[in-house]
Amino acid sequence: MKTSAVFYHAGCPVCVEAEHQVAEALDPTRYDVEIVHLGEQKGRIEAAEAAGVKSVPAIVIGGAPFHINFGAPMSALKG
C-alpha cells in the first residue's frame, strides 16, 4: 500500500524547485504524490491548513506536515 504525499505550493521559484526535488526524491512505488498549486486551487487552502500546513512549499506525508522552506505564509494565499 502506498503512502499518501501531498505537495502544496504557490508557484514561486522556490516552490517550483522544491516540487522538482520532491518529484525526483520520492519513490513512486512507495508514495502516491499529489501536487497542489494553491495559487490556482484556492479551494484546497482549507484542507492544507487542516493538514497542518503553515507556509508553502510544504509536503504532507502520511498525514504529517513538513515545511521545506518559508516561501509564503498561508495567509498570503487567501487574498
N, C-alpha and C. Protein backbone atom coordinates (compact mmCIF):
# COMPACT_ATOMS: atom_id res chain seq x y z
N MET A 1 0.84 -1.18 0.00
CA MET A 1 0.00 0.00 0.00
C MET A 1 0.89 1.25 0.00
N LYS A 2 0.58 2.20 -0.88
CA LYS A 2 1.36 3.42 -0.99
C LYS A 2 0.96 4.43 0.09
N THR A 3 1.94 5.22 0.51
CA THR A 3 1.72 6.29 1.46
C THR A 3 1.33 7.54 0.68
N SER A 4 0.33 8.25 1.16
CA SER A 4 -0.10 9.49 0.53
C SER A 4 0.88 10.61 0.83
N ALA A 5 1.21 11.40 -0.21
CA ALA A 5 2.06 12.57 -0.06
C ALA A 5 1.45 13.69 -0.89
N VAL A 6 1.14 14.81 -0.24
CA VAL A 6 0.56 15.95 -0.94
C VAL A 6 1.54 17.11 -0.82
N PHE A 7 2.01 17.58 -1.97
CA PHE A 7 2.94 18.70 -2.01
C PHE A 7 2.16 19.97 -2.34
N TYR A 8 2.21 20.94 -1.42
CA TYR A 8 1.50 22.20 -1.59
C TYR A 8 2.49 23.30 -1.94
N HIS A 9 2.14 24.12 -2.94
CA HIS A 9 3.00 25.24 -3.27
C HIS A 9 2.17 26.36 -3.89
N ALA A 10 2.83 27.51 -4.13
CA ALA A 10 2.14 28.68 -4.66
C ALA A 10 2.68 29.11 -6.02
N GLY A 11 3.61 28.37 -6.59
CA GLY A 11 4.11 28.67 -7.91
C GLY A 11 5.33 29.56 -7.96
N CYS A 12 5.84 30.01 -6.84
CA CYS A 12 7.03 30.86 -6.83
C CYS A 12 8.25 30.02 -7.22
N PRO A 13 9.37 30.65 -7.58
CA PRO A 13 10.56 29.89 -7.97
C PRO A 13 11.04 28.89 -6.91
N VAL A 14 10.99 29.27 -5.64
CA VAL A 14 11.39 28.34 -4.57
C VAL A 14 10.47 27.13 -4.56
N CYS A 15 9.18 27.38 -4.72
CA CYS A 15 8.20 26.29 -4.71
C CYS A 15 8.39 25.34 -5.90
N VAL A 16 8.61 25.91 -7.06
CA VAL A 16 8.77 25.09 -8.26
C VAL A 16 10.02 24.23 -8.15
N GLU A 17 11.11 24.78 -7.65
CA GLU A 17 12.34 24.00 -7.46
C GLU A 17 12.11 22.89 -6.44
N ALA A 18 11.41 23.21 -5.35
CA ALA A 18 11.10 22.19 -4.35
C ALA A 18 10.23 21.09 -4.95
N GLU A 19 9.27 21.46 -5.80
CA GLU A 19 8.42 20.47 -6.47
C GLU A 19 9.27 19.50 -7.29
N HIS A 20 10.23 20.03 -8.04
CA HIS A 20 11.10 19.17 -8.85
C HIS A 20 11.91 18.23 -7.97
N GLN A 21 12.42 18.75 -6.86
CA GLN A 21 13.21 17.92 -5.95
C GLN A 21 12.36 16.81 -5.33
N VAL A 22 11.14 17.16 -4.93
CA VAL A 22 10.23 16.17 -4.34
C VAL A 22 9.89 15.09 -5.36
N ALA A 23 9.59 15.51 -6.57
CA ALA A 23 9.22 14.55 -7.62
C ALA A 23 10.35 13.55 -7.88
N GLU A 24 11.58 14.01 -7.80
CA GLU A 24 12.73 13.13 -8.03
C GLU A 24 13.05 12.27 -6.81
N ALA A 25 12.77 12.79 -5.62
CA ALA A 25 13.20 12.11 -4.39
C ALA A 25 12.26 11.01 -3.91
N LEU A 26 10.97 11.17 -4.12
CA LEU A 26 10.03 10.19 -3.59
C LEU A 26 9.81 9.03 -4.56
N ASP A 27 10.02 7.85 -4.06
CA ASP A 27 9.88 6.62 -4.85
C ASP A 27 8.41 6.40 -5.20
N PRO A 28 8.07 6.42 -6.49
CA PRO A 28 6.67 6.28 -6.90
C PRO A 28 6.07 4.91 -6.57
N THR A 29 6.89 3.93 -6.25
CA THR A 29 6.35 2.62 -5.84
C THR A 29 5.93 2.64 -4.38
N ARG A 30 6.41 3.64 -3.62
CA ARG A 30 6.10 3.74 -2.20
C ARG A 30 5.15 4.88 -1.86
N TYR A 31 5.14 5.94 -2.71
CA TYR A 31 4.37 7.14 -2.40
C TYR A 31 3.42 7.50 -3.54
N ASP A 32 2.20 7.84 -3.18
CA ASP A 32 1.22 8.36 -4.11
C ASP A 32 1.26 9.88 -3.94
N VAL A 33 1.96 10.57 -4.85
CA VAL A 33 2.22 12.00 -4.72
C VAL A 33 1.19 12.82 -5.50
N GLU A 34 0.62 13.80 -4.82
CA GLU A 34 -0.27 14.76 -5.46
C GLU A 34 0.35 16.14 -5.33
N ILE A 35 0.40 16.89 -6.42
CA ILE A 35 0.92 18.25 -6.41
C ILE A 35 -0.27 19.21 -6.42
N VAL A 36 -0.30 20.14 -5.47
CA VAL A 36 -1.39 21.11 -5.36
C VAL A 36 -0.82 22.52 -5.42
N HIS A 37 -1.15 23.24 -6.48
CA HIS A 37 -0.74 24.64 -6.66
C HIS A 37 -1.84 25.49 -6.03
N LEU A 38 -1.60 25.98 -4.83
CA LEU A 38 -2.63 26.70 -4.09
C LEU A 38 -2.96 28.06 -4.71
N GLY A 39 -2.08 28.61 -5.51
CA GLY A 39 -2.39 29.84 -6.22
C GLY A 39 -3.47 29.63 -7.25
N GLU A 40 -3.53 28.42 -7.81
CA GLU A 40 -4.52 28.08 -8.82
C GLU A 40 -5.70 27.29 -8.25
N GLN A 41 -5.50 26.64 -7.10
CA GLN A 41 -6.53 25.81 -6.49
C GLN A 41 -6.85 26.32 -5.09
N LYS A 42 -7.36 27.54 -5.03
CA LYS A 42 -7.62 28.18 -3.73
C LYS A 42 -8.61 27.39 -2.88
N GLY A 43 -9.43 26.58 -3.51
CA GLY A 43 -10.38 25.75 -2.78
C GLY A 43 -9.71 24.68 -1.93
N ARG A 44 -8.42 24.48 -2.13
CA ARG A 44 -7.68 23.47 -1.36
C ARG A 44 -6.95 24.06 -0.15
N ILE A 45 -7.00 25.39 0.01
CA ILE A 45 -6.29 26.04 1.12
C ILE A 45 -6.77 25.52 2.47
N GLU A 46 -8.08 25.40 2.63
CA GLU A 46 -8.63 24.94 3.91
C GLU A 46 -8.12 23.54 4.27
N ALA A 47 -8.06 22.65 3.29
CA ALA A 47 -7.56 21.29 3.53
C ALA A 47 -6.08 21.32 3.89
N ALA A 48 -5.32 22.19 3.23
CA ALA A 48 -3.89 22.30 3.54
C ALA A 48 -3.70 22.77 4.99
N GLU A 49 -4.46 23.78 5.37
CA GLU A 49 -4.36 24.27 6.75
C GLU A 49 -4.80 23.20 7.75
N ALA A 50 -5.84 22.47 7.44
CA ALA A 50 -6.31 21.40 8.33
C ALA A 50 -5.26 20.30 8.48
N ALA A 51 -4.42 20.14 7.44
CA ALA A 51 -3.35 19.14 7.50
C ALA A 51 -2.12 19.66 8.23
N GLY A 52 -2.16 20.93 8.65
CA GLY A 52 -1.05 21.49 9.42
C GLY A 52 -0.09 22.35 8.63
N VAL A 53 -0.40 22.64 7.38
CA VAL A 53 0.47 23.48 6.56
C VAL A 53 0.36 24.93 7.02
N LYS A 54 1.50 25.52 7.35
CA LYS A 54 1.56 26.91 7.83
C LYS A 54 2.12 27.84 6.76
N SER A 55 2.94 27.30 5.86
CA SER A 55 3.55 28.08 4.78
C SER A 55 3.87 27.12 3.65
N VAL A 56 4.11 27.69 2.48
CA VAL A 56 4.46 26.87 1.32
C VAL A 56 5.85 27.28 0.83
N PRO A 57 6.59 26.36 0.26
CA PRO A 57 6.23 24.98 -0.06
C PRO A 57 6.24 24.09 1.18
N ALA A 58 5.37 23.10 1.13
CA ALA A 58 5.29 22.12 2.21
C ALA A 58 4.77 20.81 1.63
N ILE A 59 5.11 19.73 2.29
CA ILE A 59 4.60 18.43 1.87
C ILE A 59 4.01 17.73 3.09
N VAL A 60 2.88 17.09 2.87
CA VAL A 60 2.23 16.32 3.93
C VAL A 60 2.36 14.85 3.53
N ILE A 61 3.10 14.11 4.34
CA ILE A 61 3.35 12.69 4.05
C ILE A 61 2.70 11.87 5.14
N GLY A 62 1.77 11.02 4.74
CA GLY A 62 1.08 10.17 5.70
C GLY A 62 0.42 10.96 6.81
N GLY A 63 -0.05 12.17 6.50
CA GLY A 63 -0.73 13.00 7.49
C GLY A 63 0.17 13.92 8.29
N ALA A 64 1.49 13.85 8.11
CA ALA A 64 2.42 14.70 8.85
C ALA A 64 2.96 15.80 7.94
N PRO A 65 2.80 17.09 8.34
CA PRO A 65 3.29 18.18 7.51
C PRO A 65 4.79 18.43 7.70
N PHE A 66 5.46 18.73 6.58
CA PHE A 66 6.88 19.06 6.59
C PHE A 66 7.05 20.34 5.77
N HIS A 67 7.57 21.37 6.41
CA HIS A 67 7.76 22.66 5.75
C HIS A 67 9.17 22.69 5.17
N ILE A 68 9.25 22.88 3.86
CA ILE A 68 10.51 22.76 3.14
C ILE A 68 11.32 24.05 3.23
N ASN A 69 10.68 25.17 3.03
CA ASN A 69 11.33 26.47 3.05
C ASN A 69 10.22 27.48 3.23
N PHE A 70 10.51 28.60 3.83
CA PHE A 70 9.45 29.60 4.02
C PHE A 70 9.35 30.46 2.78
N GLY A 71 8.41 30.10 1.89
CA GLY A 71 8.19 30.88 0.68
C GLY A 71 7.09 31.89 0.87
N ALA A 72 5.96 31.45 1.42
CA ALA A 72 4.82 32.33 1.66
C ALA A 72 3.95 31.74 2.76
N PRO A 73 3.44 32.61 3.65
CA PRO A 73 2.52 32.11 4.66
C PRO A 73 1.17 31.81 4.00
N MET A 74 0.41 30.95 4.62
CA MET A 74 -0.91 30.60 4.08
C MET A 74 -1.81 31.83 3.96
N SER A 75 -1.66 32.80 4.85
CA SER A 75 -2.49 33.99 4.80
C SER A 75 -2.30 34.78 3.50
N ALA A 76 -1.11 34.72 2.92
CA ALA A 76 -0.84 35.42 1.66
C ALA A 76 -1.59 34.80 0.49
N LEU A 77 -1.96 33.55 0.61
CA LEU A 77 -2.65 32.86 -0.49
C LEU A 77 -4.15 33.11 -0.47
N LYS A 78 -4.66 33.62 0.62
CA LYS A 78 -6.10 33.82 0.76
C LYS A 78 -6.58 35.12 0.14
N GLY A 79 -5.68 36.05 -0.13
CA GLY A 79 -6.06 37.37 -0.62
C GLY A 79 -6.39 37.44 -2.07
